Amino acid sequence: MTMKLDDLYETVMPSEVDPLDSVTETAAGGLAILAERGEQLVQLCERLFQENQSLREQQQDLRAKCEQLHEKNELSRSRIEAMVVRLRSLEQTP
């Protein structure tokens, strides 16, 4: 049994189907996919913006805490230096 080229074409694309309809459907499907991807991209951008904002706030909090620790460290250093000076003066007193 041999199949003619016309029979194969009819199997793949029946003659009653307008080729322009399939192009329109394909274009509409492509636009739907593009719209969905665009929406996903917008959602991703919004999520990244929120995450970035949160990270900036965390960074600002950490910088403030770091500065507080630095100030406490400097205060402790000056107290220790004052104690060392007093201890040395006590050692030199007869």
PDB file of N, CA and C in Angstrom:
ATOM      1  N   MET A   1       0.846  -1.172   0.000  1.00  0.00           N
ATOM      2  CA  MET A   1       0.000   0.000   0.000  1.00  0.00           C
ATOM      3  C   MET A   1       0.891   1.235   0.000  1.00  0.00           C
ATOM      4  N   THR A   2       0.783   2.036  -1.009  1.00  0.00           N
ATOM      5  CA  THR A   2       1.589   3.239  -1.126  1.00  0.00           C
ATOM      6  C   THR A   2       0.726   4.453  -0.801  1.00  0.00           C
ATOM      7  N   MET A   3       1.353   5.404  -0.185  1.00  0.00           N
ATOM      8  CA  MET A   3       0.628   6.612   0.191  1.00  0.00           C
ATOM      9  C   MET A   3       1.095   7.729  -0.718  1.00  0.00           C
ATOM     10  N   LYS A   4       0.165   8.445  -1.267  1.00  0.00           N
ATOM     11  CA  LYS A   4       0.502   9.565  -2.137  1.00  0.00           C
ATOM     12  C   LYS A   4       0.795  10.794  -1.286  1.00  0.00           C
ATOM     13  N   LEU A   5       1.516  11.724  -1.836  1.00  0.00           N
ATOM     14  CA  LEU A   5       1.849  12.964  -1.151  1.00  0.00           C
ATOM     15  C   LEU A   5       0.588  13.725  -0.769  1.00  0.00           C
ATOM     16  N   ASP A   6      -0.426  13.728  -1.618  1.00  0.00           N
ATOM     17  CA  ASP A   6      -1.678  14.427  -1.309  1.00  0.00           C
ATOM     18  C   ASP A   6      -2.377  13.802  -0.100  1.00  0.00           C
ATOM     19  N   ASP A   7      -2.321  12.453  -0.002  1.00  0.00           N
ATOM     20  CA  ASP A   7      -2.936  11.780   1.144  1.00  0.00           C
ATOM     21  C   ASP A   7      -2.220  12.169   2.437  1.00  0.00           C
ATOM     22  N   LEU A   8      -0.916  12.258   2.392  1.00  0.00           N
ATOM     23  CA  LEU A   8      -0.135  12.644   3.569  1.00  0.00           C
ATOM     24  C   LEU A   8      -0.476  14.076   3.971  1.00  0.00           C
ATOM     25  N   TYR A   9      -0.606  14.983   3.023  1.00  0.00           N
ATOM     26  CA  TYR A   9      -0.949  16.364   3.302  1.00  0.00           C
ATOM     27  C   TYR A   9      -2.328  16.450   3.941  1.00  0.00           C
ATOM     28  N   GLU A  10      -3.269  15.673   3.446  1.00  0.00           N
ATOM     29  CA  GLU A  10      -4.623  15.661   4.015  1.00  0.00           C
ATOM     30  C   GLU A  10      -4.601  15.169   5.457  1.00  0.00           C
ATOM     31  N   THR A  11      -3.712  14.231   5.780  1.00  0.00           N
ATOM     32  CA  THR A  11      -3.624  13.716   7.135  1.00  0.00           C
ATOM     33  C   THR A  11      -3.061  14.782   8.077  1.00  0.00           C
ATOM     34  N   VAL A  12      -2.059  15.486   7.613  1.00  0.00           N
ATOM     35  CA  VAL A  12      -1.437  16.496   8.441  1.00  0.00           C
ATOM     36  C   VAL A  12      -2.290  17.748   8.518  1.00  0.00           C
ATOM     37  N   MET A  13      -2.815  18.214   7.407  1.00  0.00           N
ATOM     38  CA  MET A  13      -3.599  19.438   7.367  1.00  0.00           C
ATOM     39  C   MET A  13      -4.803  19.223   6.454  1.00  0.00           C
ATOM     40  N   PRO A  14      -5.964  18.934   7.015  1.00  0.00           N
ATOM     41  CA  PRO A  14      -7.147  18.697   6.176  1.00  0.00           C
ATOM     42  C   PRO A  14      -7.444  19.896   5.288  1.00  0.00           C
ATOM     43  N   SER A  15      -8.014  19.629   4.136  1.00  0.00           N
ATOM     44  CA  SER A  15      -8.226  20.687   3.157  1.00  0.00           C
ATOM     45  C   SER A  15      -9.279  21.690   3.600  1.00  0.00           C
ATOM     46  N   GLU A  16     -10.202  21.295   4.501  1.00  0.00           N
ATOM     47  CA  GLU A  16     -11.231  22.255   4.914  1.00  0.00           C
ATOM     48  C   GLU A  16     -10.720  23.271   5.945  1.00  0.00           C
ATOM     49  N   VAL A  17      -9.514  23.072   6.455  1.00  0.00           N
ATOM     50  CA  VAL A  17      -8.948  24.013   7.420  1.00  0.00           C
ATOM     51  C   VAL A  17      -8.264  25.125   6.655  1.00  0.00           C
ATOM     52  N   ASP A  18      -8.620  26.341   6.984  1.00  0.00           N
ATOM     53  CA  ASP A  18      -8.025  27.508   6.343  1.00  0.00           C
ATOM     54  C   ASP A  18      -6.639  27.729   6.950  1.00  0.00           C
ATOM     55  N   PRO A  19      -5.582  27.779   6.163  1.00  0.00           N
ATOM     56  CA  PRO A  19      -4.235  27.976   6.698  1.00  0.00           C
ATOM     57  C   PRO A  19      -4.100  29.267   7.508  1.00  0.00           C
ATOM     58  N   LEU A  20      -4.858  30.294   7.167  1.00  0.00           N
ATOM     59  CA  LEU A  20      -4.792  31.546   7.911  1.00  0.00           C
ATOM     60  C   LEU A  20      -5.337  31.394   9.328  1.00  0.00           C
ATOM     61  N   ASP A  21      -6.322  30.478   9.511  1.00  0.00           N
ATOM     62  CA  ASP A  21      -6.853  30.237  10.854  1.00  0.00           C
ATOM     63  C   ASP A  21      -5.764  29.681  11.768  1.00  0.00           C
ATOM     64  N   SER A  22      -4.972  28.776  11.241  1.00  0.00           N
ATOM     65  CA  SER A  22      -3.914  28.202  12.077  1.00  0.00           C
ATOM     66  C   SER A  22      -2.842  29.238  12.392  1.00  0.00           C
ATOM     67  N   VAL A  23      -2.568  30.128  11.442  1.00  0.00           N
ATOM     68  CA  VAL A  23      -1.604  31.202  11.689  1.00  0.00           C
ATOM     69  C   VAL A  23      -2.145  32.132  12.765  1.00  0.00           C
ATOM     70  N   THR A  24      -3.427  32.458  12.681  1.00  0.00           N
ATOM     71  CA  THR A  24      -4.050  33.327  13.676  1.00  0.00           C
ATOM     72  C   THR A  24      -4.030  32.674  15.046  1.00  0.00           C
ATOM     73  N   GLU A  25      -4.350  31.369  15.086  1.00  0.00           N
ATOM     74  CA  GLU A  25      -4.321  30.645  16.358  1.00  0.00           C
ATOM     75  C   GLU A  25      -2.900  30.593  16.913  1.00  0.00           C
ATOM     76  N   THR A  26      -1.943  30.361  16.042  1.00  0.00           N
ATOM     77  CA  THR A  26      -0.555  30.313  16.466  1.00  0.00           C
ATOM     78  C   THR A  26      -0.111  31.676  17.003  1.00  0.00           C
ATOM     79  N   ALA A  27      -0.480  32.745  16.295  1.00  0.00           N
ATOM     80  CA  ALA A  27      -0.122  34.084  16.747  1.00  0.00           C
ATOM     81  C   ALA A  27      -0.799  34.401  18.072  1.00  0.00           C
ATOM     82  N   ALA A  28      -2.067  34.039  18.200  1.00  0.00           N
ATOM     83  CA  ALA A  28      -2.792  34.293  19.450  1.00  0.00           C
ATOM     84  C   ALA A  28      -2.171  33.493  20.593  1.00  0.00           C
ATOM     85  N   GLY A  29      -1.812  32.255  20.315  1.00  0.00           N
ATOM     86  CA  GLY A  29      -1.153  31.438  21.338  1.00  0.00           C
ATOM     87  C   GLY A  29       0.189  32.019  21.729  1.00  0.00           C
ATOM     88  N   GLY A  30       0.928  32.483  20.731  1.00  0.00           N
ATOM     89  CA  GLY A  30       2.220  33.107  21.000  1.00  0.00           C
ATOM     90  C   GLY A  30       2.074  34.373  21.833  1.00  0.00           C
ATOM     91  N   LEU A  31       1.050  35.165  21.511  1.00  0.00           N
ATOM     92  CA  LEU A  31       0.818  36.382  22.288  1.00  0.00           C
ATOM     93  C   LEU A  31       0.401  36.051  23.719  1.00  0.00           C
ATOM     94  N   ALA A  32      -0.391  34.996  23.883  1.00  0.00           N
ATOM     95  CA  ALA A  32      -0.799  34.587  25.230  1.00  0.00           C
ATOM     96  C   ALA A  32       0.413  34.151  26.045  1.00  0.00           C
ATOM     97  N   ILE A  33       1.289  33.390  25.402  1.00  0.00           N
ATOM     98  CA  ILE A  33       2.512  32.950  26.087  1.00  0.00           C
ATOM     99  C   ILE A  33       3.373  34.163  26.431  1.00  0.00           C
ATOM    100  N   LEU A  34       3.512  35.084  25.494  1.00  0.00           N
ATOM    101  CA  LEU A  34       4.303  36.297  25.722  1.00  0.00           C
ATOM    102  C   LEU A  34       3.710  37.133  26.855  1.00  0.00           C
ATOM    103  N   ALA A  35       2.383  37.259  26.879  1.00  0.00           N
ATOM    104  CA  ALA A  35       1.721  38.017  27.947  1.00  0.00           C
ATOM    105  C   ALA A  35       1.960  37.351  29.304  1.00  0.00           C
ATOM    106  N   GLU A  36       1.875  36.031  29.342  1.00  0.00           N
ATOM    107  CA  GLU A  36       2.111  35.295  30.595  1.00  0.00           C
ATOM    108  C   GLU A  36       3.552  35.481  31.059  1.00  0.00           C
ATOM    109  N   ARG A  37       4.488  35.391  30.144  1.00  0.00           N
ATOM    110  CA  ARG A  37       5.896  35.596  30.507  1.00  0.00           C
ATOM    111  C   ARG A  37       6.139  37.030  30.961  1.00  0.00           C
ATOM    112  N   GLY A  38       5.479  37.973  30.322  1.00  0.00           N
ATOM    113  CA  GLY A  38       5.592  39.368  30.743  1.00  0.00           C
ATOM    114  C   GLY A  38       5.069  39.554  32.159  1.00  0.00           C
ATOM    115  N   GLU A  39       3.939  38.929  32.468  1.00  0.00           N
ATOM    116  CA  GLU A  39       3.370  39.001  33.817  1.00  0.00           C
ATOM    117  C   GLU A  39       4.310  38.355  34.831  1.00  0.00           C
ATOM    118  N   GLN A  40       4.896  37.226  34.460  1.00  0.00           N
ATOM    119  CA  GLN A  40       5.860  36.574  35.357  1.00  0.00           C
ATOM    120  C   GLN A  40       7.068  37.472  35.596  1.00  0.00           C
ATOM    121  N   LEU A  41       7.501  38.151  34.557  1.00  0.00           N
ATOM    122  CA  LEU A  41       8.642  39.058  34.678  1.00  0.00           C
ATOM    123  C   LEU A  41       8.312  40.227  35.604  1.00  0.00           C
ATOM    124  N   VAL A  42       7.108  40.775  35.464  1.00  0.00           N
ATOM    125  CA  VAL A  42       6.677  41.870  36.334  1.00  0.00           C
ATOM    126  C   VAL A  42       6.643  41.396  37.785  1.00  0.00           C
ATOM    127  N   GLN A  43       6.098  40.202  38.025  1.00  0.00           N
ATOM    128  CA  GLN A  43       6.042  39.661  39.385  1.00  0.00           C
ATOM    129  C   GLN A  43       7.448  39.437  39.944  1.00  0.00           C
ATOM    130  N   LEU A  44       8.342  38.928  39.116  1.00  0.00           N
ATOM    131  CA  LEU A  44       9.725  38.726  39.542  1.00  0.00           C
ATOM    132  C   LEU A  44      10.376  40.062  39.905  1.00  0.00           C
ATOM    133  N   CYS A  45      10.166  41.077  39.087  1.00  0.00           N
ATOM    134  CA  CYS A  45      10.735  42.397  39.363  1.00  0.00           C
ATOM    135  C   CYS A  45      10.191  42.961  40.674  1.00  0.00           C
ATOM    136  N   GLU A  46       8.893  42.792  40.906  1.00  0.00           N
ATOM    137  CA  GLU A  46       8.297  43.272  42.157  1.00  0.00           C
ATOM    138  C   GLU A  46       8.892  42.536  43.353  1.00  0.00           C
ATOM    139  N   ARG A  47       9.024  41.214  43.226  1.00  0.00           N
ATOM    140  CA  ARG A  47       9.601  40.426  44.321  1.00  0.00           C
ATOM    141  C   ARG A  47      11.048  40.839  44.594  1.00  0.00           C
ATOM    142  N   LEU A  48      11.824  41.034  43.528  1.00  0.00           N
ATOM    143  CA  LEU A  48      13.220  41.447  43.685  1.00  0.00           C
ATOM    144  C   LEU A  48      13.320  42.847  44.282  1.00  0.00           C
ATOM    145  N   PHE A  49      12.398  43.736  43.919  1.00  0.00           N
ATOM    146  CA  PHE A  49      12.392  45.078  44.478  1.00  0.00           C
ATOM    147  C   PHE A  49      12.135  45.010  45.979  1.00  0.00           C
ATOM    148  N   GLN A  50      11.141  44.213  46.390  1.00  0.00           N
ATOM    149  CA  GLN A  50      10.833  44.064  47.818  1.00  0.00           C
ATOM    150  C   GLN A  50      12.012  43.453  48.572  1.00  0.00           C
ATOM    151  N   GLU A  51      12.612  42.433  47.981  1.00  0.00           N
ATOM    152  CA  GLU A  51      13.756  41.773  48.604  1.00  0.00           C
ATOM    153  C   GLU A  51      14.929  42.751  48.736  1.00  0.00           C
ATOM    154  N   ASN A  52      15.152  43.540  47.715  1.00  0.00           N
ATOM    155  CA  ASN A  52      16.228  44.524  47.733  1.00  0.00           C
ATOM    156  C   ASN A  52      15.972  45.559  48.824  1.00  0.00           C
ATOM    157  N   GLN A  53      14.724  46.010  48.933  1.00  0.00           N
ATOM    158  CA  GLN A  53      14.361  46.981  49.961  1.00  0.00           C
ATOM    159  C   GLN A  53      14.606  46.396  51.349  1.00  0.00           C
ATOM    160  N   SER A  54      14.216  45.145  51.548  1.00  0.00           N
ATOM    161  CA  SER A  54      14.414  44.468  52.828  1.00  0.00           C
ATOM    162  C   SER A  54      15.901  44.337  53.148  1.00  0.00           C
ATOM    163  N   LEU A  55      16.691  43.977  52.151  1.00  0.00           N
ATOM    164  CA  LEU A  55      18.134  43.847  52.356  1.00  0.00           C
ATOM    165  C   LEU A  55      18.779  45.190  52.693  1.00  0.00           C
ATOM    166  N   ARG A  56      18.315  46.258  52.074  1.00  0.00           N
ATOM    167  CA  ARG A  56      18.845  47.589  52.387  1.00  0.00           C
ATOM    168  C   ARG A  56      18.531  47.969  53.836  1.00  0.00           C
ATOM    169  N   GLU A  57      17.312  47.645  54.278  1.00  0.00           N
ATOM    170  CA  GLU A  57      16.945  47.934  55.666  1.00  0.00           C
ATOM    171  C   GLU A  57      17.800  47.117  56.635  1.00  0.00           C
ATOM    172  N   GLN A  58      18.013  45.842  56.312  1.00  0.00           N
ATOM    173  CA  GLN A  58      18.859  44.998  57.157  1.00  0.00           C
ATOM    174  C   GLN A  58      20.282  45.544  57.209  1.00  0.00           C
ATOM    175  N   GLN A  59      20.768  45.986  56.065  1.00  0.00           N
ATOM    176  CA  GLN A  59      22.122  46.537  56.001  1.00  0.00           C
ATOM    177  C   GLN A  59      22.224  47.795  56.867  1.00  0.00           C
ATOM    178  N   GLN A  60      21.220  48.635  56.804  1.00  0.00           N
ATOM    179  CA  GLN A  60      21.221  49.851  57.608  1.00  0.00           C
ATOM    180  C   GLN A  60      21.198  49.502  59.103  1.00  0.00           C
ATOM    181  N   ASP A  61      20.388  48.527  59.488  1.00  0.00           N
ATOM    182  CA  ASP A  61      20.347  48.090  60.893  1.00  0.00           C
ATOM    183  C   ASP A  61      21.699  47.541  61.335  1.00  0.00           C
ATOM    184  N   LEU A  62      22.316  46.734  60.485  1.00  0.00           N
ATOM    185  CA  LEU A  62      23.617  46.164  60.831  1.00  0.00           C
ATOM    186  C   LEU A  62      24.689  47.236  60.962  1.00  0.00           C
ATOM    187  N   ARG A  63      24.640  48.226  60.103  1.00  0.00           N
ATOM    188  CA  ARG A  63      25.611  49.329  60.209  1.00  0.00           C
ATOM    189  C   ARG A  63      25.430  50.084  61.520  1.00  0.00           C
ATOM    190  N   ALA A  64      24.171  50.316  61.912  1.00  0.00           N
ATOM    191  CA  ALA A  64      23.911  51.020  63.175  1.00  0.00           C
ATOM    192  C   ALA A  64      24.419  50.195  64.355  1.00  0.00           C
ATOM    193  N   LYS A  65      24.161  48.885  64.332  1.00  0.00           N
ATOM    194  CA  LYS A  65      24.649  48.015  65.408  1.00  0.00           C
ATOM    195  C   LYS A  65      26.171  47.980  65.436  1.00  0.00           C
ATOM    196  N   CYS A  66      26.783  47.955  64.284  1.00  0.00           N
ATOM    197  CA  CYS A  66      28.246  47.949  64.194  1.00  0.00           C
ATOM    198  C   CYS A  66      28.810  49.238  64.796  1.00  0.00           C
ATOM    199  N   GLU A  67      28.171  50.347  64.502  1.00  0.00           N
ATOM    200  CA  GLU A  67      28.639  51.619  65.055  1.00  0.00           C
ATOM    201  C   GLU A  67      28.478  51.632  66.572  1.00  0.00           C
ATOM    202  N   GLN A  68      27.368  51.098  67.081  1.00  0.00           N
ATOM    203  CA  GLN A  68      27.174  51.027  68.535  1.00  0.00           C
ATOM    204  C   GLN A  68      28.257  50.165  69.182  1.00  0.00           C
ATOM    205  N   LEU A  69      28.555  49.023  68.562  1.00  0.00           N
ATOM    206  CA  LEU A  69      29.603  48.159  69.097  1.00  0.00           C
ATOM    207  C   LEU A  69      30.960  48.845  69.065  1.00  0.00           C
ATOM    208  N   HIS A  70      31.213  49.589  68.007  1.00  0.00           N
ATOM    209  CA  HIS A  70      32.474  50.323  67.905  1.00  0.00           C
ATOM    210  C   HIS A  70      32.581  51.359  69.030  1.00  0.00           C
ATOM    211  N   GLU A  71      31.484  52.061  69.306  1.00  0.00           N
ATOM    212  CA  GLU A  71      31.482  53.052  70.381  1.00  0.00           C
ATOM    213  C   GLU A  71      31.713  52.384  71.739  1.00  0.00           C
ATOM    214  N   LYS A  72      31.048  51.235  71.972  1.00  0.00           N
ATOM    215  CA  LYS A  72      31.252  50.503  73.223  1.00  0.00           C
ATOM    216  C   LYS A  72      32.700  50.031  73.343  1.00  0.00           C
ATOM    217  N   ASN A  73      33.259  49.584  72.239  1.00  0.00           N
ATOM    218  CA  ASN A  73      34.649  49.128  72.220  1.00  0.00           C
ATOM    219  C   ASN A  73      35.590  50.279  72.586  1.00  0.00           C
ATOM    220  N   GLU A  74      35.354  51.443  72.013  1.00  0.00           N
ATOM    221  CA  GLU A  74      36.195  52.606  72.317  1.00  0.00           C
ATOM    222  C   GLU A  74      36.051  53.012  73.782  1.00  0.00           C
ATOM    223  N   LEU A  75      34.833  52.962  74.310  1.00  0.00           N
ATOM    224  CA  LEU A  75      34.616  53.290  75.721  1.00  0.00           C
ATOM    225  C   LEU A  75      35.352  52.304  76.622  1.00  0.00           C
ATOM    226  N   SER A  76      35.256  51.031  76.295  1.00  0.00           N
ATOM    227  CA  SER A  76      35.964  50.006  77.076  1.00  0.00           C
ATOM    228  C   SER A  76      37.467  50.208  77.003  1.00  0.00           C
ATOM    229  N   ARG A  77      37.962  50.530  75.818  1.00  0.00           N
ATOM    230  CA  ARG A  77      39.403  50.756  75.639  1.00  0.00           C
ATOM    231  C   ARG A  77      39.877  51.921  76.514  1.00  0.00           C
ATOM    232  N   SER A  78      39.128  53.003  76.519  1.00  0.00           N
ATOM    233  CA  SER A  78      39.544  54.164  77.320  1.00  0.00           C
ATOM    234  C   SER A  78      39.482  53.842  78.818  1.00  0.00           C
ATOM    235  N   ARG A  79      38.482  53.060  79.241  1.00  0.00           N
ATOM    236  CA  ARG A  79      38.410  52.660  80.657  1.00  0.00           C
ATOM    237  C   ARG A  79      39.590  51.774  81.045  1.00  0.00           C
ATOM    238  N   ILE A  80      39.930  50.849  80.183  1.00  0.00           N
ATOM    239  CA  ILE A  80      41.056  49.949  80.459  1.00  0.00           C
ATOM    240  C   ILE A  80      42.357  50.741  80.521  1.00  0.00           C
ATOM    241  N   GLU A  81      42.522  51.668  79.586  1.00  0.00           N
ATOM    242  CA  GLU A  81      43.727  52.499  79.605  1.00  0.00           C
ATOM    243  C   GLU A  81      43.801  53.316  80.890  1.00  0.00           C
ATOM    244  N   ALA A  82      42.659  53.832  81.350  1.00  0.00           N
ATOM    245  CA  ALA A  82      42.642  54.599  82.610  1.00  0.00           C
ATOM    246  C   ALA A  82      42.999  53.700  83.789  1.00  0.00           C
ATOM    247  N   MET A  83      42.513  52.464  83.794  1.00  0.00           N
ATOM    248  CA  MET A  83      42.852  51.526  84.878  1.00  0.00           C
ATOM    249  C   MET A  83      44.342  51.200  84.865  1.00  0.00           C
ATOM    250  N   VAL A  84      44.888  51.010  83.683  1.00  0.00           N
ATOM    251  CA  VAL A  84      46.316  50.696  83.566  1.00  0.00           C
ATOM    252  C   VAL A  84      47.139  51.855  84.116  1.00  0.00           C
ATOM    253  N   VAL A  85      46.756  53.078  83.773  1.00  0.00           N
ATOM    254  CA  VAL A  85      47.474  54.256  84.271  1.00  0.00           C
ATOM    255  C   VAL A  85      47.393  54.297  85.790  1.00  0.00           C
ATOM    256  N   ARG A  86      46.216  54.044  86.370  1.00  0.00           N
ATOM    257  CA  ARG A  86      46.087  54.055  87.846  1.00  0.00           C
ATOM    258  C   ARG A  86      46.912  52.959  88.495  1.00  0.00           C
ATOM    259  N   LEU A  87      46.890  51.778  87.881  1.00  0.00           N
ATOM    260  CA  LEU A  87      47.686  50.659  88.442  1.00  0.00           C
ATOM    261  C   LEU A  87      49.169  50.990  88.404  1.00  0.00           C
ATOM    262  N   ARG A  88      49.645  51.585  87.329  1.00  0.00           N
ATOM    263  CA  ARG A  88      51.057  51.967  87.244  1.00  0.00           C
ATOM    264  C   ARG A  88      51.418  53.016  88.290  1.00  0.00           C
ATOM    265  N   SER A  89      50.484  53.926  88.499  1.00  0.00           N
ATOM    266  CA  SER A  89      50.756  54.968  89.501  1.00  0.00           C
ATOM    267  C   SER A  89      50.762  54.366  90.913  1.00  0.00           C
ATOM    268  N   LEU A  90      49.946  53.346  91.146  1.00  0.00           N
ATOM    269  CA  LEU A  90      49.950  52.653  92.450  1.00  0.00           C
ATOM    270  C   LEU A  90      51.260  51.885  92.659  1.00  0.00           C
ATOM    271  N   GLU A  91      51.798  51.311  91.594  1.00  0.00           N
ATOM    272  CA  GLU A  91      53.057  50.563  91.679  1.00  0.00           C
ATOM    273  C   GLU A  91      54.210  51.492  92.015  1.00  0.00           C
ATOM    274  N   GLN A  92      54.163  52.708  91.523  1.00  0.00           N
ATOM    275  CA  GLN A  92      55.263  53.654  91.734  1.00  0.00           C
ATOM    276  C   GLN A  92      55.163  54.367  93.071  1.00  0.00           C
ATOM    277  N   THR A  93      54.036  54.294  93.718  1.00  0.00           N
ATOM    278  CA  THR A  93      53.874  54.939  95.023  1.00  0.00           C
ATOM    279  C   THR A  93      54.531  54.081  96.087  1.00  0.00           C
ATOM    280  N   PRO A  94      55.403  54.706  96.921  1.00  0.00           N
ATOM    281  CA  PRO A  94      56.118  53.924  97.945  1.00  0.00           C
ATOM    282  C   PRO A  94      55.238  53.503  99.099  1.00  0.00           C
TER     283      PRO A  94
END
